[in-house]
Amino acid sequence: MRAYDDPSILVNVSVWESLESLAAFVYTSVHRPVMGRRRQWFARFDGPYTALWWVPPGHTPGIEEAKERLEHLRAHGATAFAFTFKSPFPAPEEALLLI
């Protein structure tokens, strides 16, 4: 799937039960040392490259929604619409986290 015209831009979208479960994976699993080496494989990206947001159960966001959330984060900073690990927003009732 290609989200942008630039073929060097990759997109990864995943759904998590909670911010805590995502943080445990990102910061305390084998994922951390691999991502610590990301500069070996990826060029530096100007601005945010990860946006988090809450989705209701049963909703399957698409690439266009992910792009909209990332652009909103870039333009407005962290809000309930799109946020970061550093500036999280509380989950609405029965929501899942999308990254």
PDB file of N, CA and C in Angstrom:
ATOM      1  N   MET A   1       0.847  -1.170   0.000  1.00  0.00           N
ATOM      2  CA  MET A   1       0.000   0.000   0.000  1.00  0.00           C
ATOM      3  C   MET A   1       0.892   1.232   0.000  1.00  0.00           C
ATOM      4  N   ARG A   2       0.518   2.199  -0.743  1.00  0.00           N
ATOM      5  CA  ARG A   2       1.297   3.424  -0.839  1.00  0.00           C
ATOM      6  C   ARG A   2       0.413   4.598  -0.399  1.00  0.00           C
ATOM      7  N   ALA A   3       0.798   5.228   0.707  1.00  0.00           N
ATOM      8  CA  ALA A   3       0.014   6.329   1.259  1.00  0.00           C
ATOM      9  C   ALA A   3       0.413   7.677   0.670  1.00  0.00           C
ATOM     10  N   TYR A   4       1.654   7.781   0.216  1.00  0.00           N
ATOM     11  CA  TYR A   4       2.182   9.034  -0.314  1.00  0.00           C
ATOM     12  C   TYR A   4       2.807   8.778  -1.679  1.00  0.00           C
ATOM     13  N   ASP A   5       2.980   9.821  -2.451  1.00  0.00           N
ATOM     14  CA  ASP A   5       3.616   9.682  -3.753  1.00  0.00           C
ATOM     15  C   ASP A   5       5.071   9.239  -3.628  1.00  0.00           C
ATOM     16  N   ASP A   6       5.726   9.635  -2.557  1.00  0.00           N
ATOM     17  CA  ASP A   6       7.124   9.279  -2.323  1.00  0.00           C
ATOM     18  C   ASP A   6       7.209   7.803  -1.902  1.00  0.00           C
ATOM     19  N   PRO A   7       7.797   6.942  -2.726  1.00  0.00           N
ATOM     20  CA  PRO A   7       7.841   5.519  -2.389  1.00  0.00           C
ATOM     21  C   PRO A   7       8.749   5.188  -1.198  1.00  0.00           C
ATOM     22  N   SER A   8       9.539   6.142  -0.732  1.00  0.00           N
ATOM     23  CA  SER A   8      10.409   5.875   0.412  1.00  0.00           C
ATOM     24  C   SER A   8       9.697   6.076   1.753  1.00  0.00           C
ATOM     25  N   ILE A   9       8.452   6.555   1.732  1.00  0.00           N
ATOM     26  CA  ILE A   9       7.691   6.745   2.973  1.00  0.00           C
ATOM     27  C   ILE A   9       6.868   5.487   3.239  1.00  0.00           C
ATOM     28  N   LEU A  10       7.135   4.863   4.377  1.00  0.00           N
ATOM     29  CA  LEU A  10       6.420   3.663   4.788  1.00  0.00           C
ATOM     30  C   LEU A  10       5.336   4.028   5.789  1.00  0.00           C
ATOM     31  N   VAL A  11       4.281   3.235   5.810  1.00  0.00           N
ATOM     32  CA  VAL A  11       3.183   3.458   6.749  1.00  0.00           C
ATOM     33  C   VAL A  11       2.955   2.188   7.547  1.00  0.00           C
ATOM     34  N   ASN A  12       2.805   2.346   8.856  1.00  0.00           N
ATOM     35  CA  ASN A  12       2.487   1.242   9.742  1.00  0.00           C
ATOM     36  C   ASN A  12       1.332   1.689  10.623  1.00  0.00           C
ATOM     37  N   VAL A  13       0.251   0.935  10.611  1.00  0.00           N
ATOM     38  CA  VAL A  13      -0.913   1.244  11.435  1.00  0.00           C
ATOM     39  C   VAL A  13      -1.211   0.006  12.268  1.00  0.00           C
ATOM     40  N   SER A  14      -1.335   0.182  13.569  1.00  0.00           N
ATOM     41  CA  SER A  14      -1.672  -0.939  14.447  1.00  0.00           C
ATOM     42  C   SER A  14      -2.612  -0.469  15.546  1.00  0.00           C
ATOM     43  N   VAL A  15      -3.407  -1.385  16.078  1.00  0.00           N
ATOM     44  CA  VAL A  15      -4.393  -1.079  17.115  1.00  0.00           C
ATOM     45  C   VAL A  15      -3.968  -1.767  18.410  1.00  0.00           C
ATOM     46  N   TRP A  16      -4.069  -1.042  19.511  1.00  0.00           N
ATOM     47  CA  TRP A  16      -3.660  -1.536  20.827  1.00  0.00           C
ATOM     48  C   TRP A  16      -4.812  -1.376  21.810  1.00  0.00           C
ATOM     49  N   GLU A  17      -4.844  -2.223  22.830  1.00  0.00           N
ATOM     50  CA  GLU A  17      -5.899  -2.136  23.832  1.00  0.00           C
ATOM     51  C   GLU A  17      -5.746  -0.940  24.748  1.00  0.00           C
ATOM     52  N   SER A  18      -4.494  -0.488  24.933  1.00  0.00           N
ATOM     53  CA  SER A  18      -4.266   0.630  25.850  1.00  0.00           C
ATOM     54  C   SER A  18      -2.943   1.305  25.523  1.00  0.00           C
ATOM     55  N   LEU A  19      -2.797   2.516  26.015  1.00  0.00           N
ATOM     56  CA  LEU A  19      -1.531   3.223  25.871  1.00  0.00           C
ATOM     57  C   LEU A  19      -0.433   2.483  26.634  1.00  0.00           C
ATOM     58  N   GLU A  20      -0.786   1.898  27.762  1.00  0.00           N
ATOM     59  CA  GLU A  20       0.183   1.167  28.573  1.00  0.00           C
ATOM     60  C   GLU A  20       0.713  -0.067  27.834  1.00  0.00           C
ATOM     61  N   SER A  21      -0.159  -0.795  27.147  1.00  0.00           N
ATOM     62  CA  SER A  21       0.303  -1.982  26.420  1.00  0.00           C
ATOM     63  C   SER A  21       1.192  -1.596  25.245  1.00  0.00           C
ATOM     64  N   LEU A  22       0.863  -0.507  24.574  1.00  0.00           N
ATOM     65  CA  LEU A  22       1.717  -0.023  23.488  1.00  0.00           C
ATOM     66  C   LEU A  22       3.065   0.430  24.036  1.00  0.00           C
ATOM     67  N   ALA A  23       3.056   1.182  25.123  1.00  0.00           N
ATOM     68  CA  ALA A  23       4.311   1.670  25.718  1.00  0.00           C
ATOM     69  C   ALA A  23       5.188   0.502  26.169  1.00  0.00           C
ATOM     70  N   ALA A  24       4.584  -0.539  26.724  1.00  0.00           N
ATOM     71  CA  ALA A  24       5.363  -1.706  27.142  1.00  0.00           C
ATOM     72  C   ALA A  24       6.060  -2.333  25.938  1.00  0.00           C
ATOM     73  N   PHE A  25       5.355  -2.450  24.821  1.00  0.00           N
ATOM     74  CA  PHE A  25       5.964  -3.008  23.614  1.00  0.00           C
ATOM     75  C   PHE A  25       7.076  -2.102  23.092  1.00  0.00           C
ATOM     76  N   VAL A  26       6.794  -0.821  22.988  1.00  0.00           N
ATOM     77  CA  VAL A  26       7.748   0.121  22.408  1.00  0.00           C
ATOM     78  C   VAL A  26       8.998   0.263  23.270  1.00  0.00           C
ATOM     79  N   TYR A  27       8.826   0.353  24.578  1.00  0.00           N
ATOM     80  CA  TYR A  27       9.944   0.712  25.449  1.00  0.00           C
ATOM     81  C   TYR A  27      10.579  -0.437  26.225  1.00  0.00           C
ATOM     82  N   THR A  28       9.929  -1.603  26.323  1.00  0.00           N
ATOM     83  CA  THR A  28      10.507  -2.667  27.148  1.00  0.00           C
ATOM     84  C   THR A  28      10.617  -4.014  26.437  1.00  0.00           C
ATOM     85  N   SER A  29      10.368  -4.065  25.163  1.00  0.00           N
ATOM     86  CA  SER A  29      10.472  -5.326  24.421  1.00  0.00           C
ATOM     87  C   SER A  29      11.667  -5.275  23.472  1.00  0.00           C
ATOM     88  N   VAL A  30      11.821  -6.309  22.661  1.00  0.00           N
ATOM     89  CA  VAL A  30      12.895  -6.346  21.668  1.00  0.00           C
ATOM     90  C   VAL A  30      12.727  -5.242  20.620  1.00  0.00           C
ATOM     91  N   HIS A  31      11.588  -4.599  20.598  1.00  0.00           N
ATOM     92  CA  HIS A  31      11.344  -3.500  19.667  1.00  0.00           C
ATOM     93  C   HIS A  31      12.286  -2.328  19.933  1.00  0.00           C
ATOM     94  N   ARG A  32      12.573  -2.065  21.190  1.00  0.00           N
ATOM     95  CA  ARG A  32      13.376  -0.892  21.555  1.00  0.00           C
ATOM     96  C   ARG A  32      14.776  -0.897  20.935  1.00  0.00           C
ATOM     97  N   PRO A  33      15.576  -1.964  21.079  1.00  0.00           N
ATOM     98  CA  PRO A  33      16.905  -1.909  20.468  1.00  0.00           C
ATOM     99  C   PRO A  33      16.865  -1.848  18.940  1.00  0.00           C
ATOM    100  N   VAL A  34      15.866  -2.464  18.351  1.00  0.00           N
ATOM    101  CA  VAL A  34      15.739  -2.395  16.888  1.00  0.00           C
ATOM    102  C   VAL A  34      15.463  -0.956  16.470  1.00  0.00           C
ATOM    103  N   MET A  35      14.521  -0.297  17.141  1.00  0.00           N
ATOM    104  CA  MET A  35      14.201   1.089  16.784  1.00  0.00           C
ATOM    105  C   MET A  35      15.335   2.043  17.152  1.00  0.00           C
ATOM    106  N   GLY A  36      16.165   1.661  18.092  1.00  0.00           N
ATOM    107  CA  GLY A  36      17.345   2.453  18.417  1.00  0.00           C
ATOM    108  C   GLY A  36      18.329   2.525  17.255  1.00  0.00           C
ATOM    109  N   ARG A  37      18.207   1.591  16.342  1.00  0.00           N
ATOM    110  CA  ARG A  37      19.083   1.558  15.167  1.00  0.00           C
ATOM    111  C   ARG A  37      18.393   2.086  13.910  1.00  0.00           C
ATOM    112  N   ARG A  38      17.227   2.696  14.051  1.00  0.00           N
ATOM    113  CA  ARG A  38      16.449   3.118  12.878  1.00  0.00           C
ATOM    114  C   ARG A  38      17.190   4.091  11.958  1.00  0.00           C
ATOM    115  N   ARG A  39      18.128   4.861  12.495  1.00  0.00           N
ATOM    116  CA  ARG A  39      18.885   5.803  11.661  1.00  0.00           C
ATOM    117  C   ARG A  39      19.753   5.075  10.632  1.00  0.00           C
ATOM    118  N   GLN A  40      20.018   3.793  10.863  1.00  0.00           N
ATOM    119  CA  GLN A  40      20.775   3.002   9.897  1.00  0.00           C
ATOM    120  C   GLN A  40      19.944   2.684   8.655  1.00  0.00           C
ATOM    121  N   TRP A  41      18.618   2.673   8.820  1.00  0.00           N
ATOM    122  CA  TRP A  41      17.751   2.267   7.716  1.00  0.00           C
ATOM    123  C   TRP A  41      16.871   3.381   7.174  1.00  0.00           C
ATOM    124  N   PHE A  42      16.605   4.379   7.993  1.00  0.00           N
ATOM    125  CA  PHE A  42      15.654   5.426   7.605  1.00  0.00           C
ATOM    126  C   PHE A  42      16.296   6.805   7.655  1.00  0.00           C
ATOM    127  N   ALA A  43      15.910   7.660   6.713  1.00  0.00           N
ATOM    128  CA  ALA A  43      16.347   9.054   6.729  1.00  0.00           C
ATOM    129  C   ALA A  43      15.585   9.782   7.836  1.00  0.00           C
ATOM    130  N   ARG A  44      16.178  10.840   8.356  1.00  0.00           N
ATOM    131  CA  ARG A  44      15.509  11.654   9.383  1.00  0.00           C
ATOM    132  C   ARG A  44      14.267  12.278   8.763  1.00  0.00           C
ATOM    133  N   PHE A  45      13.183  12.205   9.509  1.00  0.00           N
ATOM    134  CA  PHE A  45      11.902  12.746   9.052  1.00  0.00           C
ATOM    135  C   PHE A  45      11.659  14.061   9.760  1.00  0.00           C
ATOM    136  N   ASP A  46      11.317  15.091   9.028  1.00  0.00           N
ATOM    137  CA  ASP A  46      11.088  16.412   9.611  1.00  0.00           C
ATOM    138  C   ASP A  46       9.682  16.472  10.196  1.00  0.00           C
ATOM    139  N   GLY A  47       9.596  16.635  11.490  1.00  0.00           N
ATOM    140  CA  GLY A  47       8.296  16.717  12.152  1.00  0.00           C
ATOM    141  C   GLY A  47       7.884  15.381  12.734  1.00  0.00           C
ATOM    142  N   PRO A  48       6.665  15.325  13.262  1.00  0.00           N
ATOM    143  CA  PRO A  48       6.205  14.077  13.873  1.00  0.00           C
ATOM    144  C   PRO A  48       6.035  12.987  12.815  1.00  0.00           C
ATOM    145  N   TYR A  49       6.363  11.763  13.210  1.00  0.00           N
ATOM    146  CA  TYR A  49       6.175  10.643  12.298  1.00  0.00           C
ATOM    147  C   TYR A  49       5.256   9.585  12.899  1.00  0.00           C
ATOM    148  N   THR A  50       4.794   9.827  14.114  1.00  0.00           N
ATOM    149  CA  THR A  50       3.860   8.930  14.775  1.00  0.00           C
ATOM    150  C   THR A  50       2.730   9.748  15.383  1.00  0.00           C
ATOM    151  N   ALA A  51       1.509   9.344  15.110  1.00  0.00           N
ATOM    152  CA  ALA A  51       0.336   9.962  15.726  1.00  0.00           C
ATOM    153  C   ALA A  51      -0.470   8.869  16.414  1.00  0.00           C
ATOM    154  N   LEU A  52      -0.912   9.151  17.612  1.00  0.00           N
ATOM    155  CA  LEU A  52      -1.773   8.234  18.362  1.00  0.00           C
ATOM    156  C   LEU A  52      -3.161   8.840  18.442  1.00  0.00           C
ATOM    157  N   TRP A  53      -4.173   7.993  18.444  1.00  0.00           N
ATOM    158  CA  TRP A  53      -5.541   8.457  18.682  1.00  0.00           C
ATOM    159  C   TRP A  53      -6.390   7.268  19.098  1.00  0.00           C
ATOM    160  N   TRP A  54      -7.518   7.592  19.718  1.00  0.00           N
ATOM    161  CA  TRP A  54      -8.437   6.570  20.208  1.00  0.00           C
ATOM    162  C   TRP A  54      -9.496   6.294  19.157  1.00  0.00           C
ATOM    163  N   VAL A  55      -9.817   5.017  18.975  1.00  0.00           N
ATOM    164  CA  VAL A  55     -10.860   4.629  18.020  1.00  0.00           C
ATOM    165  C   VAL A  55     -11.909   3.789  18.738  1.00  0.00           C
ATOM    166  N   PRO A  56     -13.157   3.915  18.327  1.00  0.00           N
ATOM    167  CA  PRO A  56     -14.185   3.090  18.957  1.00  0.00           C
ATOM    168  C   PRO A  56     -14.070   1.636  18.496  1.00  0.00           C
ATOM    169  N   PRO A  57     -14.451   0.694  19.346  1.00  0.00           N
ATOM    170  CA  PRO A  57     -14.431  -0.710  18.937  1.00  0.00           C
ATOM    171  C   PRO A  57     -15.243  -0.910  17.658  1.00  0.00           C
ATOM    172  N   GLY A  58     -14.729  -1.727  16.770  1.00  0.00           N
ATOM    173  CA  GLY A  58     -15.421  -2.011  15.514  1.00  0.00           C
ATOM    174  C   GLY A  58     -15.066  -1.079  14.380  1.00  0.00           C
ATOM    175  N   HIS A  59     -14.441   0.058  14.680  1.00  0.00           N
ATOM    176  CA  HIS A  59     -14.053   1.007  13.634  1.00  0.00           C
ATOM    177  C   HIS A  59     -12.694   0.610  13.076  1.00  0.00           C
ATOM    178  N   THR A  60     -12.588   0.559  11.765  1.00  0.00           N
ATOM    179  CA  THR A  60     -11.314   0.243  11.119  1.00  0.00           C
ATOM    180  C   THR A  60     -10.863   1.468  10.336  1.00  0.00           C
ATOM    181  N   PRO A  61      -9.969   2.265  10.910  1.00  0.00           N
ATOM    182  CA  PRO A  61      -9.485   3.454  10.202  1.00  0.00           C
ATOM    183  C   PRO A  61      -8.641   3.063   8.995  1.00  0.00           C
ATOM    184  N   GLY A  62      -8.701   3.901   7.991  1.00  0.00           N
ATOM    185  CA  GLY A  62      -7.904   3.677   6.798  1.00  0.00           C
ATOM    186  C   GLY A  62      -6.696   4.589   6.748  1.00  0.00           C
ATOM    187  N   ILE A  63      -5.951   4.451   5.685  1.00  0.00           N
ATOM    188  CA  ILE A  63      -4.737   5.238   5.498  1.00  0.00           C
ATOM    189  C   ILE A  63      -5.040   6.726   5.433  1.00  0.00           C
ATOM    190  N   GLU A  64      -6.108   7.114   4.778  1.00  0.00           N
ATOM    191  CA  GLU A  64      -6.439   8.547   4.692  1.00  0.00           C
ATOM    192  C   GLU A  64      -6.699   9.133   6.071  1.00  0.00           C
ATOM    193  N   GLU A  65      -7.364   8.390   6.941  1.00  0.00           N
ATOM    194  CA  GLU A  65      -7.587   8.877   8.303  1.00  0.00           C
ATOM    195  C   GLU A  65      -6.256   8.997   9.042  1.00  0.00           C
ATOM    196  N   ALA A  66      -5.373   8.031   8.873  1.00  0.00           N
ATOM    197  CA  ALA A  66      -4.058   8.092   9.522  1.00  0.00           C
ATOM    198  C   ALA A  66      -3.279   9.314   9.046  1.00  0.00           C
ATOM    199  N   LYS A  67      -3.311   9.581   7.753  1.00  0.00           N
ATOM    200  CA  LYS A  67      -2.625  10.760   7.221  1.00  0.00           C
ATOM    201  C   LYS A  67      -3.232  12.038   7.781  1.00  0.00           C
ATOM    202  N   GLU A  68      -4.555  12.074   7.880  1.00  0.00           N
ATOM    203  CA  GLU A  68      -5.235  13.255   8.433  1.00  0.00           C
ATOM    204  C   GLU A  68      -4.823  13.490   9.887  1.00  0.00           C
ATOM    205  N   ARG A  69      -4.729  12.432  10.665  1.00  0.00           N
ATOM    206  CA  ARG A  69      -4.334  12.571  12.069  1.00  0.00           C
ATOM    207  C   ARG A  69      -2.895  13.063  12.185  1.00  0.00           C
ATOM    208  N   LEU A  70      -2.004  12.503  11.378  1.00  0.00           N
ATOM    209  CA  LEU A  70      -0.602  12.928  11.424  1.00  0.00           C
ATOM    210  C   LEU A  70      -0.460  14.391  11.002  1.00  0.00           C
ATOM    211  N   GLU A  71      -1.162  14.793   9.967  1.00  0.00           N
ATOM    212  CA  GLU A  71      -1.112  16.197   9.530  1.00  0.00           C
ATOM    213  C   GLU A  71      -1.694  17.126  10.583  1.00  0.00           C
ATOM    214  N   HIS A  72      -2.748  16.696  11.251  1.00  0.00           N
ATOM    215  CA  HIS A  72      -3.336  17.505  12.318  1.00  0.00           C
ATOM    216  C   HIS A  72      -2.328  17.678  13.462  1.00  0.00           C
ATOM    217  N   LEU A  73      -1.653  16.597  13.820  1.00  0.00           N
ATOM    218  CA  LEU A  73      -0.623  16.675  14.862  1.00  0.00           C
ATOM    219  C   LEU A  73       0.488  17.630  14.450  1.00  0.00           C
ATOM    220  N   ARG A  74       0.899  17.554  13.209  1.00  0.00           N
ATOM    221  CA  ARG A  74       1.953  18.439  12.704  1.00  0.00           C
ATOM    222  C   ARG A  74       1.506  19.904  12.761  1.00  0.00           C
ATOM    223  N   ALA A  75       0.281  20.182  12.385  1.00  0.00           N
ATOM    224  CA  ALA A  75      -0.210  21.560  12.310  1.00  0.00           C
ATOM    225  C   ALA A  75      -0.608  22.147  13.660  1.00  0.00           C
ATOM    226  N   HIS A  76      -1.139  21.319  14.571  1.00  0.00           N
ATOM    227  CA  HIS A  76      -1.739  21.845  15.802  1.00  0.00           C
ATOM    228  C   HIS A  76      -1.101  21.351  17.091  1.00  0.00           C
ATOM    229  N   GLY A  77      -0.158  20.429  16.985  1.00  0.00           N
ATOM    230  CA  GLY A  77       0.387  19.823  18.191  1.00  0.00           C
ATOM    231  C   GLY A  77      -0.583  18.799  18.745  1.00  0.00           C
ATOM    232  N   ALA A  78      -0.256  18.279  19.907  1.00  0.00           N
ATOM    233  CA  ALA A  78      -1.069  17.223  20.508  1.00  0.00           C
ATOM    234  C   ALA A  78      -2.433  17.745  20.931  1.00  0.00           C
ATOM    235  N   THR A  79      -3.457  17.052  20.495  1.00  0.00           N
ATOM    236  CA  THR A  79      -4.847  17.314  20.874  1.00  0.00           C
ATOM    237  C   THR A  79      -5.514  15.952  21.058  1.00  0.00           C
ATOM    238  N   ALA A  80      -6.759  15.937  21.472  1.00  0.00           N
ATOM    239  CA  ALA A  80      -7.486  14.674  21.586  1.00  0.00           C
ATOM    240  C   ALA A  80      -7.650  14.008  20.219  1.00  0.00           C
ATOM    241  N   PHE A  81      -7.562  14.780  19.149  1.00  0.00           N
ATOM    242  CA  PHE A  81      -7.709  14.247  17.786  1.00  0.00           C
ATOM    243  C   PHE A  81      -6.484  13.440  17.367  1.00  0.00           C
ATOM    244  N   ALA A  82      -5.305  13.860  17.791  1.00  0.00           N
ATOM    245  CA  ALA A  82      -4.042  13.177  17.483  1.00  0.00           C
ATOM    246  C   ALA A  82      -3.016  13.614  18.518  1.00  0.00           C
ATOM    247  N   PHE A  83      -2.370  12.651  19.152  1.00  0.00           N
ATOM    248  CA  PHE A  83      -1.451  12.981  20.237  1.00  0.00           C
ATOM    249  C   PHE A  83      -0.201  12.117  20.167  1.00  0.00           C
ATOM    250  N   THR A  84       0.665  12.266  21.170  1.00  0.00           N
ATOM    251  CA  THR A  84       1.940  11.547  21.216  1.00  0.00           C
ATOM    252  C   THR A  84       2.094  10.876  22.580  1.00  0.00           C
ATOM    253  N   PHE A  85       3.130  10.054  22.712  1.00  0.00           N
ATOM    254  CA  PHE A  85       3.447   9.476  24.020  1.00  0.00           C
ATOM    255  C   PHE A  85       3.734  10.569  25.036  1.00  0.00           C
ATOM    256  N   LYS A  86       4.414  11.634  24.602  1.00  0.00           N
ATOM    257  CA  LYS A  86       4.772  12.726  25.524  1.00  0.00           C
ATOM    258  C   LYS A  86       3.566  13.530  25.968  1.00  0.00           C
ATOM    259  N   SER A  87       2.537  13.598  25.128  1.00  0.00           N
ATOM    260  CA  SER A  87       1.339  14.391  25.437  1.00  0.00           C
ATOM    261  C   SER A  87       0.084  13.570  25.183  1.00  0.00           C
ATOM    262  N   PRO A  88      -0.140  12.517  25.981  1.00  0.00           N
ATOM    263  CA  PRO A  88      -1.305  11.659  25.739  1.00  0.00           C
ATOM    264  C   PRO A  88      -2.609  12.300  26.197  1.00  0.00           C
ATOM    265  N   PHE A  89      -3.694  11.812  25.655  1.00  0.00           N
ATOM    266  CA  PHE A  89      -5.031  12.233  26.059  1.00  0.00           C
ATOM    267  C   PHE A  89      -5.757  10.996  26.581  1.00  0.00           C
ATOM    268  N   PRO A  90      -6.614  11.172  27.573  1.00  0.00           N
ATOM    269  CA  PRO A  90      -7.297  10.010  28.147  1.00  0.00           C
ATOM    270  C   PRO A  90      -8.241   9.361  27.130  1.00  0.00           C
ATOM    271  N   ALA A  91      -8.421   8.082  27.309  1.00  0.00           N
ATOM    272  CA  ALA A  91      -9.286   7.320  26.408  1.00  0.00           C
ATOM    273  C   ALA A  91     -10.756   7.590  26.732  1.00  0.00           C
ATOM    274  N   PRO A  92     -11.556   7.772  25.698  1.00  0.00           N
ATOM    275  CA  PRO A  92     -12.992   7.765  25.928  1.00  0.00           C
ATOM    276  C   PRO A  92     -13.402   6.349  26.385  1.00  0.00           C
ATOM    277  N   GLU A  93     -14.575   6.185  26.912  1.00  0.00           N
ATOM    278  CA  GLU A  93     -15.012   4.848  27.320  1.00  0.00           C
ATOM    279  C   GLU A  93     -14.971   3.887  26.143  1.00  0.00           C
ATOM    280  N   GLU A  94     -14.511   2.675  26.390  1.00  0.00           N
ATOM    281  CA  GLU A  94     -14.496   1.590  25.413  1.00  0.00           C
ATOM    282  C   GLU A  94     -13.783   1.943  24.105  1.00  0.00           C
ATOM    283  N   ALA A  95     -12.665   2.605  24.193  1.00  0.00           N
ATOM    284  CA  ALA A  95     -11.914   2.943  22.991  1.00  0.00           C
ATOM    285  C   ALA A  95     -10.647   2.111  22.916  1.00  0.00           C
ATOM    286  N   LEU A  96     -10.154   1.941  21.709  1.00  0.00           N
ATOM    287  CA  LEU A  96      -8.882   1.285  21.458  1.00  0.00           C
ATOM    288  C   LEU A  96      -7.911   2.326  20.940  1.00  0.00           C
ATOM    289  N   LEU A  97      -6.632   2.093  21.159  1.00  0.00           N
ATOM    290  CA  LEU A  97      -5.610   3.033  20.709  1.00  0.00           C
ATOM    291  C   LEU A  97      -5.105   2.649  19.338  1.00  0.00           C
ATOM    292  N   LEU A  98      -5.022   3.626  18.466  1.00  0.00           N
ATOM    293  CA  LEU A  98      -4.483   3.376  17.140  1.00  0.00           C
ATOM    294  C   LEU A  98      -3.198   4.155  16.983  1.00  0.00           C
ATOM    295  N   ILE A  99      -2.236   3.515  16.419  1.00  0.00           N
ATOM    296  CA  ILE A  99      -0.958   4.188  16.135  1.00  0.00           C
ATOM    297  C   ILE A  99      -0.661   3.997  14.668  1.00  0.00           C
TER     298      ILE A  99
END
